[in-house]
Amino acid sequence: MENFTFEETNLLCIYNGTGTRTGVIAALTEMRGYLEPDEDELRALTDSALTKLGRMSDAEFAALELFPDFETEAPAYGE
């Protein structure tokens, strides 16, 4: 199973409205379509999360513990 970064996990929590892997993929894909050209970091983060989601099964996704961790300070993106 793919390991998601801190930032990817929080992104999945935000867009996990349906609770399914395919639902998150659809939501992230839709959101990606609204990104502005200068939003390179969010685009890269979204692409990375989508790639990892595409490689995993629905059962693996269901086993993830998707709880946002907005309380702790996040490491700088890319660390």
PDB file of N, CA and C in Angstrom:
ATOM      1  N   MET A   1       0.852  -1.176   0.000  1.00  0.00           N
ATOM      2  CA  MET A   1       0.000   0.000   0.000  1.00  0.00           C
ATOM      3  C   MET A   1       0.895   1.236   0.000  1.00  0.00           C
ATOM      4  N   GLU A   2       0.451   2.233  -0.719  1.00  0.00           N
ATOM      5  CA  GLU A   2       1.195   3.490  -0.813  1.00  0.00           C
ATOM      6  C   GLU A   2       1.142   4.243   0.520  1.00  0.00           C
ATOM      7  N   ASN A   3       2.234   4.908   0.828  1.00  0.00           N
ATOM      8  CA  ASN A   3       2.253   5.781   1.993  1.00  0.00           C
ATOM      9  C   ASN A   3       1.951   7.199   1.533  1.00  0.00           C
ATOM     10  N   PHE A   4       0.952   7.801   2.132  1.00  0.00           N
ATOM     11  CA  PHE A   4       0.582   9.168   1.810  1.00  0.00           C
ATOM     12  C   PHE A   4       1.342  10.120   2.722  1.00  0.00           C
ATOM     13  N   THR A   5       1.745  11.253   2.179  1.00  0.00           N
ATOM     14  CA  THR A   5       2.406  12.272   2.986  1.00  0.00           C
ATOM     15  C   THR A   5       1.373  12.936   3.891  1.00  0.00           C
ATOM     16  N   PHE A   6       1.861  13.708   4.830  1.00  0.00           N
ATOM     17  CA  PHE A   6       0.992  14.486   5.720  1.00  0.00           C
ATOM     18  C   PHE A   6       0.032  15.345   4.902  1.00  0.00           C
ATOM     19  N   GLU A   7       0.571  16.063   3.904  1.00  0.00           N
ATOM     20  CA  GLU A   7      -0.246  16.967   3.086  1.00  0.00           C
ATOM     21  C   GLU A   7      -1.257  16.191   2.249  1.00  0.00           C
ATOM     22  N   GLU A   8      -0.837  15.050   1.697  1.00  0.00           N
ATOM     23  CA  GLU A   8      -1.762  14.235   0.913  1.00  0.00           C
ATOM     24  C   GLU A   8      -2.893  13.704   1.782  1.00  0.00           C
ATOM     25  N   THR A   9      -2.562  13.266   2.992  1.00  0.00           N
ATOM     26  CA  THR A   9      -3.585  12.758   3.900  1.00  0.00           C
ATOM     27  C   THR A   9      -4.612  13.832   4.223  1.00  0.00           C
ATOM     28  N   ASN A  10      -4.153  15.034   4.502  1.00  0.00           N
ATOM     29  CA  ASN A  10      -5.100  16.118   4.777  1.00  0.00           C
ATOM     30  C   ASN A  10      -5.942  16.436   3.551  1.00  0.00           C
ATOM     31  N   LEU A  11      -5.361  16.385   2.362  1.00  0.00           N
ATOM     32  CA  LEU A  11      -6.111  16.608   1.133  1.00  0.00           C
ATOM     33  C   LEU A  11      -7.188  15.537   0.968  1.00  0.00           C
ATOM     34  N   LEU A  12      -6.840  14.284   1.241  1.00  0.00           N
ATOM     35  CA  LEU A  12      -7.818  13.203   1.160  1.00  0.00           C
ATOM     36  C   LEU A  12      -8.947  13.414   2.160  1.00  0.00           C
ATOM     37  N   CYS A  13      -8.625  13.884   3.348  1.00  0.00           N
ATOM     38  CA  CYS A  13      -9.655  14.149   4.360  1.00  0.00           C
ATOM     39  C   CYS A  13     -10.621  15.224   3.888  1.00  0.00           C
ATOM     40  N   ILE A  14     -10.099  16.244   3.265  1.00  0.00           N
ATOM     41  CA  ILE A  14     -10.931  17.353   2.797  1.00  0.00           C
ATOM     42  C   ILE A  14     -11.881  16.890   1.695  1.00  0.00           C
ATOM     43  N   TYR A  15     -11.405  16.042   0.787  1.00  0.00           N
ATOM     44  CA  TYR A  15     -12.191  15.644  -0.377  1.00  0.00           C
ATOM     45  C   TYR A  15     -12.816  14.257  -0.246  1.00  0.00           C
ATOM     46  N   ASN A  16     -12.862  13.714   0.943  1.00  0.00           N
ATOM     47  CA  ASN A  16     -13.425  12.390   1.187  1.00  0.00           C
ATOM     48  C   ASN A  16     -14.902  12.485   1.562  1.00  0.00           C
ATOM     49  N   GLY A  17     -15.684  13.160   0.759  1.00  0.00           N
ATOM     50  CA  GLY A  17     -17.103  13.335   1.054  1.00  0.00           C
ATOM     51  C   GLY A  17     -17.918  12.063   0.938  1.00  0.00           C
ATOM     52  N   THR A  18     -17.538  11.176   0.042  1.00  0.00           N
ATOM     53  CA  THR A  18     -18.316   9.956  -0.174  1.00  0.00           C
ATOM     54  C   THR A  18     -17.826   8.790   0.667  1.00  0.00           C
ATOM     55  N   GLY A  19     -16.573   8.865   1.119  1.00  0.00           N
ATOM     56  CA  GLY A  19     -16.011   7.769   1.890  1.00  0.00           C
ATOM     57  C   GLY A  19     -15.506   6.620   1.036  1.00  0.00           C
ATOM     58  N   THR A  20     -15.466   6.837  -0.290  1.00  0.00           N
ATOM     59  CA  THR A  20     -14.979   5.793  -1.180  1.00  0.00           C
ATOM     60  C   THR A  20     -13.771   6.287  -1.959  1.00  0.00           C
ATOM     61  N   ARG A  21     -12.947   5.355  -2.381  1.00  0.00           N
ATOM     62  CA  ARG A  21     -11.769   5.680  -3.170  1.00  0.00           C
ATOM     63  C   ARG A  21     -12.179   6.348  -4.482  1.00  0.00           C
ATOM     64  N   THR A  22     -13.160   5.787  -5.153  1.00  0.00           N
ATOM     65  CA  THR A  22     -13.596   6.370  -6.430  1.00  0.00           C
ATOM     66  C   THR A  22     -14.214   7.747  -6.234  1.00  0.00           C
ATOM     67  N   GLY A  23     -14.870   7.957  -5.108  1.00  0.00           N
ATOM     68  CA  GLY A  23     -15.441   9.265  -4.810  1.00  0.00           C
ATOM     69  C   GLY A  23     -14.364  10.316  -4.589  1.00  0.00           C
ATOM     70  N   VAL A  24     -13.311   9.945  -3.886  1.00  0.00           N
ATOM     71  CA  VAL A  24     -12.203  10.868  -3.643  1.00  0.00           C
ATOM     72  C   VAL A  24     -11.483  11.169  -4.959  1.00  0.00           C
ATOM     73  N   ILE A  25     -11.291  10.145  -5.778  1.00  0.00           N
ATOM     74  CA  ILE A  25     -10.649  10.345  -7.079  1.00  0.00           C
ATOM     75  C   ILE A  25     -11.472  11.328  -7.909  1.00  0.00           C
ATOM     76  N   ALA A  26     -12.776  11.149  -7.936  1.00  0.00           N
ATOM     77  CA  ALA A  26     -13.642  12.048  -8.708  1.00  0.00           C
ATOM     78  C   ALA A  26     -13.588  13.473  -8.169  1.00  0.00           C
ATOM     79  N   ALA A  27     -13.632  13.614  -6.846  1.00  0.00           N
ATOM     80  CA  ALA A  27     -13.607  14.949  -6.233  1.00  0.00           C
ATOM     81  C   ALA A  27     -12.278  15.657  -6.487  1.00  0.00           C
ATOM     82  N   LEU A  28     -11.176  14.930  -6.347  1.00  0.00           N
ATOM     83  CA  LEU A  28      -9.861  15.531  -6.595  1.00  0.00           C
ATOM     84  C   LEU A  28      -9.679  15.890  -8.069  1.00  0.00           C
ATOM     85  N   THR A  29     -10.171  15.041  -8.941  1.00  0.00           N
ATOM     86  CA  THR A  29     -10.079  15.316 -10.377  1.00  0.00           C
ATOM     87  C   THR A  29     -10.881  16.561 -10.730  1.00  0.00           C
ATOM     88  N   GLU A  30     -12.068  16.685 -10.154  1.00  0.00           N
ATOM     89  CA  GLU A  30     -12.879  17.878 -10.402  1.00  0.00           C
ATOM     90  C   GLU A  30     -12.191  19.123  -9.855  1.00  0.00           C
ATOM     91  N   MET A  31     -11.697  19.066  -8.629  1.00  0.00           N
ATOM     92  CA  MET A  31     -11.005  20.197  -8.023  1.00  0.00           C
ATOM     93  C   MET A  31      -9.804  20.612  -8.858  1.00  0.00           C
ATOM     94  N   ARG A  32      -9.060  19.624  -9.365  1.00  0.00           N
ATOM     95  CA  ARG A  32      -7.867  19.905 -10.161  1.00  0.00           C
ATOM     96  C   ARG A  32      -8.219  20.740 -11.389  1.00  0.00           C
ATOM     97  N   GLY A  33      -9.393  20.530 -11.942  1.00  0.00           N
ATOM     98  CA  GLY A  33      -9.827  21.281 -13.106  1.00  0.00           C
ATOM     99  C   GLY A  33     -10.052  22.758 -12.836  1.00  0.00           C
ATOM    100  N   TYR A  34     -10.216  23.117 -11.573  1.00  0.00           N
ATOM    101  CA  TYR A  34     -10.439  24.517 -11.201  1.00  0.00           C
ATOM    102  C   TYR A  34      -9.157  25.245 -10.791  1.00  0.00           C
ATOM    103  N   LEU A  35      -8.044  24.539 -10.743  1.00  0.00           N
ATOM    104  CA  LEU A  35      -6.803  25.164 -10.309  1.00  0.00           C
ATOM    105  C   LEU A  35      -6.320  26.186 -11.325  1.00  0.00           C
ATOM    106  N   GLU A  36      -5.779  27.258 -10.809  1.00  0.00           N
ATOM    107  CA  GLU A  36      -5.201  28.306 -11.649  1.00  0.00           C
ATOM    108  C   GLU A  36      -3.805  27.878 -12.090  1.00  0.00           C
ATOM    109  N   PRO A  37      -3.305  28.433 -13.189  1.00  0.00           N
ATOM    110  CA  PRO A  37      -1.977  28.048 -13.686  1.00  0.00           C
ATOM    111  C   PRO A  37      -0.851  28.218 -12.668  1.00  0.00           C
ATOM    112  N   ASP A  38      -0.984  29.173 -11.750  1.00  0.00           N
ATOM    113  CA  ASP A  38       0.093  29.409 -10.779  1.00  0.00           C
ATOM    114  C   ASP A  38      -0.006  28.518  -9.532  1.00  0.00           C
ATOM    115  N   GLU A  39      -0.952  27.619  -9.487  1.00  0.00           N
ATOM    116  CA  GLU A  39      -1.123  26.745  -8.327  1.00  0.00           C
ATOM    117  C   GLU A  39      -0.373  25.421  -8.533  1.00  0.00           C
ATOM    118  N   ASP A  40       0.897  25.551  -8.852  1.00  0.00           N
ATOM    119  CA  ASP A  40       1.736  24.396  -9.179  1.00  0.00           C
ATOM    120  C   ASP A  40       1.868  23.409  -8.019  1.00  0.00           C
ATOM    121  N   GLU A  41       2.060  23.925  -6.818  1.00  0.00           N
ATOM    122  CA  GLU A  41       2.265  23.035  -5.665  1.00  0.00           C
ATOM    123  C   GLU A  41       1.020  22.209  -5.376  1.00  0.00           C
ATOM    124  N   LEU A  42      -0.151  22.839  -5.424  1.00  0.00           N
ATOM    125  CA  LEU A  42      -1.386  22.103  -5.171  1.00  0.00           C
ATOM    126  C   LEU A  42      -1.649  21.113  -6.303  1.00  0.00           C
ATOM    127  N   ARG A  43      -1.326  21.482  -7.526  1.00  0.00           N
ATOM    128  CA  ARG A  43      -1.482  20.568  -8.655  1.00  0.00           C
ATOM    129  C   ARG A  43      -0.581  19.346  -8.480  1.00  0.00           C
ATOM    130  N   ALA A  44       0.657  19.563  -8.104  1.00  0.00           N
ATOM    131  CA  ALA A  44       1.594  18.457  -7.898  1.00  0.00           C
ATOM    132  C   ALA A  44       1.132  17.563  -6.742  1.00  0.00           C
ATOM    133  N   LEU A  45       0.662  18.166  -5.673  1.00  0.00           N
ATOM    134  CA  LEU A  45       0.161  17.410  -4.527  1.00  0.00           C
ATOM    135  C   LEU A  45      -1.044  16.573  -4.933  1.00  0.00           C
ATOM    136  N   THR A  46      -1.957  17.178  -5.664  1.00  0.00           N
ATOM    137  CA  THR A  46      -3.155  16.475  -6.124  1.00  0.00           C
ATOM    138  C   THR A  46      -2.782  15.331  -7.059  1.00  0.00           C
ATOM    139  N   ASP A  47      -1.878  15.586  -7.991  1.00  0.00           N
ATOM    140  CA  ASP A  47      -1.448  14.547  -8.924  1.00  0.00           C
ATOM    141  C   ASP A  47      -0.806  13.373  -8.184  1.00  0.00           C
ATOM    142  N   SER A  48       0.005  13.677  -7.185  1.00  0.00           N
ATOM    143  CA  SER A  48       0.648  12.630  -6.408  1.00  0.00           C
ATOM    144  C   SER A  48      -0.384  11.778  -5.667  1.00  0.00           C
ATOM    145  N   ALA A  49      -1.342  12.441  -5.054  1.00  0.00           N
ATOM    146  CA  ALA A  49      -2.394  11.716  -4.332  1.00  0.00           C
ATOM    147  C   ALA A  49      -3.231  10.878  -5.300  1.00  0.00           C
ATOM    148  N   LEU A  50      -3.563  11.431  -6.462  1.00  0.00           N
ATOM    149  CA  LEU A  50      -4.347  10.687  -7.451  1.00  0.00           C
ATOM    150  C   LEU A  50      -3.588   9.463  -7.958  1.00  0.00           C
ATOM    151  N   THR A  51      -2.294   9.598  -8.161  1.00  0.00           N
ATOM    152  CA  THR A  51      -1.482   8.469  -8.604  1.00  0.00           C
ATOM    153  C   THR A  51      -1.509   7.352  -7.563  1.00  0.00           C
ATOM    154  N   LYS A  52      -1.328   7.717  -6.315  1.00  0.00           N
ATOM    155  CA  LYS A  52      -1.331   6.721  -5.241  1.00  0.00           C
ATOM    156  C   LYS A  52      -2.702   6.078  -5.091  1.00  0.00           C
ATOM    157  N   LEU A  53      -3.766   6.883  -5.200  1.00  0.00           N
ATOM    158  CA  LEU A  53      -5.121   6.337  -5.118  1.00  0.00           C
ATOM    159  C   LEU A  53      -5.394   5.365  -6.261  1.00  0.00           C
ATOM    160  N   GLY A  54      -4.862   5.662  -7.436  1.00  0.00           N
ATOM    161  CA  GLY A  54      -5.053   4.793  -8.585  1.00  0.00           C
ATOM    162  C   GLY A  54      -4.357   3.453  -8.458  1.00  0.00           C
ATOM    163  N   ARG A  55      -3.327   3.397  -7.654  1.00  0.00           N
ATOM    164  CA  ARG A  55      -2.550   2.168  -7.473  1.00  0.00           C
ATOM    165  C   ARG A  55      -3.093   1.273  -6.365  1.00  0.00           C
ATOM    166  N   MET A  56      -4.031   1.785  -5.588  1.00  0.00           N
ATOM    167  CA  MET A  56      -4.509   0.998  -4.457  1.00  0.00           C
ATOM    168  C   MET A  56      -5.909   0.446  -4.725  1.00  0.00           C
ATOM    169  N   SER A  57      -6.262  -0.564  -3.970  1.00  0.00           N
ATOM    170  CA  SER A  57      -7.593  -1.165  -4.096  1.00  0.00           C
ATOM    171  C   SER A  57      -8.586  -0.429  -3.202  1.00  0.00           C
ATOM    172  N   ASP A  58      -9.853  -0.704  -3.437  1.00  0.00           N
ATOM    173  CA  ASP A  58     -10.891  -0.121  -2.583  1.00  0.00           C
ATOM    174  C   ASP A  58     -10.736  -0.604  -1.145  1.00  0.00           C
ATOM    175  N   ALA A  59     -10.335  -1.856  -0.980  1.00  0.00           N
ATOM    176  CA  ALA A  59     -10.137  -2.403   0.371  1.00  0.00           C
ATOM    177  C   ALA A  59      -8.986  -1.696   1.080  1.00  0.00           C
ATOM    178  N   GLU A  60      -7.911  -1.433   0.356  1.00  0.00           N
ATOM    179  CA  GLU A  60      -6.785  -0.715   0.958  1.00  0.00           C
ATOM    180  C   GLU A  60      -7.208   0.697   1.349  1.00  0.00           C
ATOM    181  N   PHE A  61      -7.995   1.345   0.497  1.00  0.00           N
ATOM    182  CA  PHE A  61      -8.478   2.686   0.821  1.00  0.00           C
ATOM    183  C   PHE A  61      -9.360   2.653   2.073  1.00  0.00           C
ATOM    184  N   ALA A  62     -10.236   1.666   2.152  1.00  0.00           N
ATOM    185  CA  ALA A  62     -11.135   1.553   3.300  1.00  0.00           C
ATOM    186  C   ALA A  62     -10.363   1.367   4.601  1.00  0.00           C
ATOM    187  N   ALA A  63      -9.167   0.784   4.520  1.00  0.00           N
ATOM    188  CA  ALA A  63      -8.354   0.551   5.713  1.00  0.00           C
ATOM    189  C   ALA A  63      -7.605   1.798   6.177  1.00  0.00           C
ATOM    190  N   LEU A  64      -7.560   2.840   5.334  1.00  0.00           N
ATOM    191  CA  LEU A  64      -6.863   4.065   5.730  1.00  0.00           C
ATOM    192  C   LEU A  64      -7.592   4.750   6.883  1.00  0.00           C
ATOM    193  N   GLU A  65      -6.824   5.328   7.762  1.00  0.00           N
ATOM    194  CA  GLU A  65      -7.403   6.129   8.837  1.00  0.00           C
ATOM    195  C   GLU A  65      -7.280   7.585   8.425  1.00  0.00           C
ATOM    196  N   LEU A  66      -8.353   8.104   7.848  1.00  0.00           N
ATOM    197  CA  LEU A  66      -8.330   9.467   7.321  1.00  0.00           C
ATOM    198  C   LEU A  66      -8.944  10.439   8.336  1.00  0.00           C
ATOM    199  N   PHE A  67      -8.077  10.935   9.164  1.00  0.00           N
ATOM    200  CA  PHE A  67      -8.465  11.930  10.147  1.00  0.00           C
ATOM    201  C   PHE A  67      -7.576  13.143   9.936  1.00  0.00           C
ATOM    202  N   PRO A  68      -8.161  14.310   9.708  1.00  0.00           N
ATOM    203  CA  PRO A  68      -7.322  15.490   9.467  1.00  0.00           C
ATOM    204  C   PRO A  68      -6.490  15.832  10.691  1.00  0.00           C
ATOM    205  N   ASP A  69      -5.303  16.309  10.438  1.00  0.00           N
ATOM    206  CA  ASP A  69      -4.396  16.693  11.516  1.00  0.00           C
ATOM    207  C   ASP A  69      -4.011  18.148  11.309  1.00  0.00           C
ATOM    208  N   PHE A  70      -4.979  19.017  11.463  1.00  0.00           N
ATOM    209  CA  PHE A  70      -4.751  20.435  11.245  1.00  0.00           C
ATOM    210  C   PHE A  70      -4.205  21.122  12.493  1.00  0.00           C
ATOM    211  N   GLU A  71      -4.186  20.418  13.603  1.00  0.00           N
ATOM    212  CA  GLU A  71      -3.757  20.994  14.873  1.00  0.00           C
ATOM    213  C   GLU A  71      -2.231  21.078  14.973  1.00  0.00           C
ATOM    214  N   THR A  72      -1.555  20.072  14.440  1.00  0.00           N
ATOM    215  CA  THR A  72      -0.094  20.082  14.524  1.00  0.00           C
ATOM    216  C   THR A  72       0.493  20.846  13.350  1.00  0.00           C
ATOM    217  N   GLU A  73       1.677  21.320  13.551  1.00  0.00           N
ATOM    218  CA  GLU A  73       2.338  22.070  12.486  1.00  0.00           C
ATOM    219  C   GLU A  73       2.841  21.103  11.433  1.00  0.00           C
ATOM    220  N   ALA A  74       2.464  21.358  10.203  1.00  0.00           N
ATOM    221  CA  ALA A  74       2.863  20.491   9.100  1.00  0.00           C
ATOM    222  C   ALA A  74       4.299  20.765   8.712  1.00  0.00           C
ATOM    223  N   PRO A  75       5.002  19.711   8.318  1.00  0.00           N
ATOM    224  CA  PRO A  75       6.343  19.950   7.787  1.00  0.00           C
ATOM    225  C   PRO A  75       6.223  20.698   6.463  1.00  0.00           C
ATOM    226  N   ALA A  76       7.250  21.384   6.090  1.00  0.00           N
ATOM    227  CA  ALA A  76       7.239  22.117   4.818  1.00  0.00           C
ATOM    228  C   ALA A  76       7.035  21.116   3.692  1.00  0.00           C
ATOM    229  N   TYR A  77       6.259  21.504   2.689  1.00  0.00           N
ATOM    230  CA  TYR A  77       5.962  20.629   1.571  1.00  0.00           C
ATOM    231  C   TYR A  77       7.259  20.154   0.931  1.00  0.00           C
ATOM    232  N   GLY A  78       7.314  18.846   0.685  1.00  0.00           N
ATOM    233  CA  GLY A  78       8.483  18.275   0.042  1.00  0.00           C
ATOM    234  C   GLY A  78       9.530  17.745   0.992  1.00  0.00           C
ATOM    235  N   GLU A  79       9.321  17.893   2.288  1.00  0.00           N
ATOM    236  CA  GLU A  79      10.320  17.389   3.250  1.00  0.00           C
ATOM    237  C   GLU A  79      10.139  15.919   3.476  1.00  0.00           C
TER     238      GLU A  79
END
